[in-house]
Amino acid sequence: MANMKAGAPTKNSTSEQKTVLITEQEREHMIAEAAYYNAMHRGFQQADPERDWFLAEKQIDQQLNS
């Protein structure tokens, strides 16, 4: 998956269409960064890197698909 299309073109109130194209590597970098900030926000307590990753993945995918 060299390139991925995040979200189908959507119409907003001004009838503009938006398409976001990112690479899988860029998406993974965004997820890693979000996971770090989620852990930092909780003070790095109760460490669960896998949970942090899945939460961040959900957050980033929602942002890319909006």
N, C-alpha and C. Protein backbone atom coordinates (compact mmCIF):
# COMPACT_ATOMS: atom_id res chain seq x y z
N MET A 1 0.83 -1.17 0.00
CA MET A 1 0.00 0.00 0.00
C MET A 1 0.88 1.24 0.00
N ALA A 2 1.35 1.65 -1.11
CA ALA A 2 2.21 2.83 -1.19
C ALA A 2 1.43 4.09 -0.85
N ASN A 3 0.29 4.29 -1.45
CA ASN A 3 -0.56 5.43 -1.16
C ASN A 3 -1.90 4.92 -0.69
N MET A 4 -2.50 5.67 0.23
CA MET A 4 -3.83 5.32 0.64
C MET A 4 -4.70 6.54 0.59
N LYS A 5 -5.91 6.36 0.21
CA LYS A 5 -6.86 7.46 0.17
C LYS A 5 -7.62 7.43 1.47
N ALA A 6 -7.49 8.47 2.25
CA ALA A 6 -8.15 8.54 3.54
C ALA A 6 -9.44 9.32 3.39
N GLY A 7 -10.51 8.64 3.30
CA GLY A 7 -11.79 9.29 3.20
C GLY A 7 -12.19 9.56 1.76
N ALA A 8 -13.44 9.36 1.49
CA ALA A 8 -13.97 9.69 0.17
C ALA A 8 -14.18 11.18 0.10
N PRO A 9 -14.18 11.75 -1.09
CA PRO A 9 -14.46 13.18 -1.20
C PRO A 9 -15.80 13.48 -0.53
N THR A 10 -15.82 14.52 0.26
CA THR A 10 -17.04 14.90 0.96
C THR A 10 -17.39 16.33 0.62
N LYS A 11 -18.68 16.63 0.70
CA LYS A 11 -19.13 18.00 0.46
C LYS A 11 -19.30 18.68 1.81
N ASN A 12 -18.82 19.93 1.89
CA ASN A 12 -19.06 20.71 3.09
C ASN A 12 -20.05 21.81 2.76
N SER A 13 -20.24 22.75 3.66
CA SER A 13 -21.28 23.76 3.47
C SER A 13 -21.02 24.65 2.26
N THR A 14 -19.79 24.74 1.79
CA THR A 14 -19.49 25.58 0.63
C THR A 14 -19.41 24.75 -0.64
N SER A 15 -19.85 23.50 -0.58
CA SER A 15 -19.87 22.58 -1.73
C SER A 15 -18.48 22.31 -2.30
N GLU A 16 -17.45 22.43 -1.49
CA GLU A 16 -16.10 22.08 -1.91
C GLU A 16 -15.88 20.61 -1.61
N GLN A 17 -15.02 19.97 -2.40
CA GLN A 17 -14.69 18.58 -2.14
C GLN A 17 -13.26 18.50 -1.61
N LYS A 18 -13.06 17.57 -0.68
CA LYS A 18 -11.75 17.41 -0.07
C LYS A 18 -11.33 15.95 -0.17
N THR A 19 -10.13 15.71 -0.67
CA THR A 19 -9.55 14.38 -0.73
C THR A 19 -8.16 14.45 -0.11
N VAL A 20 -7.87 13.53 0.80
CA VAL A 20 -6.59 13.50 1.48
C VAL A 20 -5.84 12.25 1.03
N LEU A 21 -4.66 12.43 0.48
CA LEU A 21 -3.84 11.30 0.08
C LEU A 21 -2.57 11.29 0.93
N ILE A 22 -2.36 10.20 1.63
CA ILE A 22 -1.13 10.05 2.42
C ILE A 22 -0.59 8.65 2.20
N THR A 23 0.69 8.49 2.48
CA THR A 23 1.29 7.16 2.39
C THR A 23 1.01 6.41 3.70
N GLU A 24 1.15 5.11 3.64
CA GLU A 24 0.99 4.29 4.85
C GLU A 24 2.05 4.70 5.88
N GLN A 25 3.24 5.04 5.43
CA GLN A 25 4.30 5.47 6.34
C GLN A 25 3.91 6.77 7.05
N GLU A 26 3.32 7.70 6.33
CA GLU A 26 2.87 8.96 6.95
C GLU A 26 1.77 8.69 7.97
N ARG A 27 0.85 7.80 7.61
CA ARG A 27 -0.24 7.45 8.54
C ARG A 27 0.32 6.83 9.82
N GLU A 28 1.26 5.91 9.67
CA GLU A 28 1.85 5.26 10.85
C GLU A 28 2.61 6.26 11.71
N HIS A 29 3.28 7.21 11.08
CA HIS A 29 3.97 8.25 11.84
C HIS A 29 2.97 9.09 12.64
N MET A 30 1.86 9.43 12.03
CA MET A 30 0.83 10.20 12.72
C MET A 30 0.27 9.41 13.90
N ILE A 31 0.06 8.12 13.71
CA ILE A 31 -0.46 7.28 14.78
C ILE A 31 0.55 7.19 15.92
N ALA A 32 1.82 6.98 15.60
CA ALA A 32 2.86 6.89 16.64
C ALA A 32 2.93 8.17 17.45
N GLU A 33 2.85 9.29 16.77
CA GLU A 33 2.90 10.58 17.47
C GLU A 33 1.68 10.76 18.37
N ALA A 34 0.51 10.41 17.87
CA ALA A 34 -0.71 10.53 18.67
C ALA A 34 -0.66 9.60 19.88
N ALA A 35 -0.14 8.39 19.69
CA ALA A 35 -0.02 7.44 20.80
C ALA A 35 0.90 8.00 21.89
N TYR A 36 1.99 8.61 21.47
CA TYR A 36 2.92 9.22 22.44
C TYR A 36 2.22 10.32 23.22
N TYR A 37 1.51 11.20 22.53
CA TYR A 37 0.85 12.31 23.21
C TYR A 37 -0.28 11.83 24.11
N ASN A 38 -0.97 10.76 23.73
CA ASN A 38 -1.99 10.19 24.62
C ASN A 38 -1.34 9.68 25.90
N ALA A 39 -0.22 8.98 25.78
CA ALA A 39 0.50 8.47 26.96
C ALA A 39 1.03 9.63 27.80
N MET A 40 1.56 10.64 27.15
CA MET A 40 2.08 11.80 27.87
C MET A 40 0.95 12.50 28.62
N HIS A 41 -0.20 12.63 27.98
CA HIS A 41 -1.34 13.29 28.61
C HIS A 41 -1.76 12.58 29.90
N ARG A 42 -1.62 11.28 29.93
CA ARG A 42 -1.98 10.53 31.13
C ARG A 42 -0.77 10.39 32.09
N GLY A 43 0.32 11.10 31.80
CA GLY A 43 1.49 11.08 32.68
C GLY A 43 2.30 9.81 32.58
N PHE A 44 2.17 9.09 31.50
CA PHE A 44 2.88 7.82 31.26
C PHE A 44 2.59 6.79 32.36
N GLN A 45 1.44 6.95 33.02
CA GLN A 45 1.03 5.99 34.05
C GLN A 45 0.25 4.86 33.38
N GLN A 46 0.25 3.70 33.99
CA GLN A 46 -0.45 2.52 33.50
C GLN A 46 -0.12 2.28 32.02
N ALA A 47 1.14 2.14 31.75
CA ALA A 47 1.63 1.97 30.37
C ALA A 47 1.00 0.75 29.71
N ASP A 48 0.47 0.98 28.53
CA ASP A 48 -0.08 -0.09 27.69
C ASP A 48 0.10 0.36 26.24
N PRO A 49 1.32 0.17 25.69
CA PRO A 49 1.62 0.66 24.34
C PRO A 49 0.65 0.17 23.27
N GLU A 50 0.19 -1.07 23.39
CA GLU A 50 -0.74 -1.59 22.39
C GLU A 50 -2.08 -0.84 22.46
N ARG A 51 -2.57 -0.59 23.65
CA ARG A 51 -3.82 0.17 23.81
C ARG A 51 -3.63 1.59 23.29
N ASP A 52 -2.49 2.19 23.62
CA ASP A 52 -2.19 3.54 23.13
C ASP A 52 -2.21 3.57 21.61
N TRP A 53 -1.61 2.57 20.98
CA TRP A 53 -1.55 2.52 19.52
C TRP A 53 -2.96 2.40 18.92
N PHE A 54 -3.77 1.49 19.45
CA PHE A 54 -5.11 1.29 18.89
C PHE A 54 -6.00 2.52 19.08
N LEU A 55 -5.89 3.18 20.22
CA LEU A 55 -6.64 4.41 20.44
C LEU A 55 -6.20 5.50 19.46
N ALA A 56 -4.89 5.65 19.30
CA ALA A 56 -4.35 6.65 18.38
C ALA A 56 -4.75 6.33 16.94
N GLU A 57 -4.73 5.06 16.58
CA GLU A 57 -5.12 4.65 15.23
C GLU A 57 -6.57 5.06 14.95
N LYS A 58 -7.43 4.84 15.92
CA LYS A 58 -8.83 5.22 15.77
C LYS A 58 -8.96 6.73 15.62
N GLN A 59 -8.23 7.49 16.45
CA GLN A 59 -8.30 8.94 16.38
C GLN A 59 -7.83 9.47 15.02
N ILE A 60 -6.71 8.98 14.57
CA ILE A 60 -6.13 9.46 13.30
C ILE A 60 -7.04 9.07 12.13
N ASP A 61 -7.53 7.84 12.12
CA ASP A 61 -8.41 7.42 11.04
C ASP A 61 -9.69 8.25 11.00
N GLN A 62 -10.22 8.60 12.17
CA GLN A 62 -11.40 9.46 12.20
C GLN A 62 -11.08 10.84 11.63
N GLN A 63 -9.92 11.38 11.97
CA GLN A 63 -9.53 12.69 11.44
C GLN A 63 -9.35 12.63 9.92
N LEU A 64 -8.73 11.58 9.44
CA LEU A 64 -8.48 11.47 8.00
C LEU A 64 -9.76 11.25 7.22
N ASN A 65 -10.74 10.64 7.83
CA ASN A 65 -12.00 10.33 7.15
C ASN A 65 -13.07 11.38 7.34
N SER A 66 -12.74 12.45 8.04
CA SER A 66 -13.76 13.48 8.25
C SER A 66 -13.71 14.55 7.19
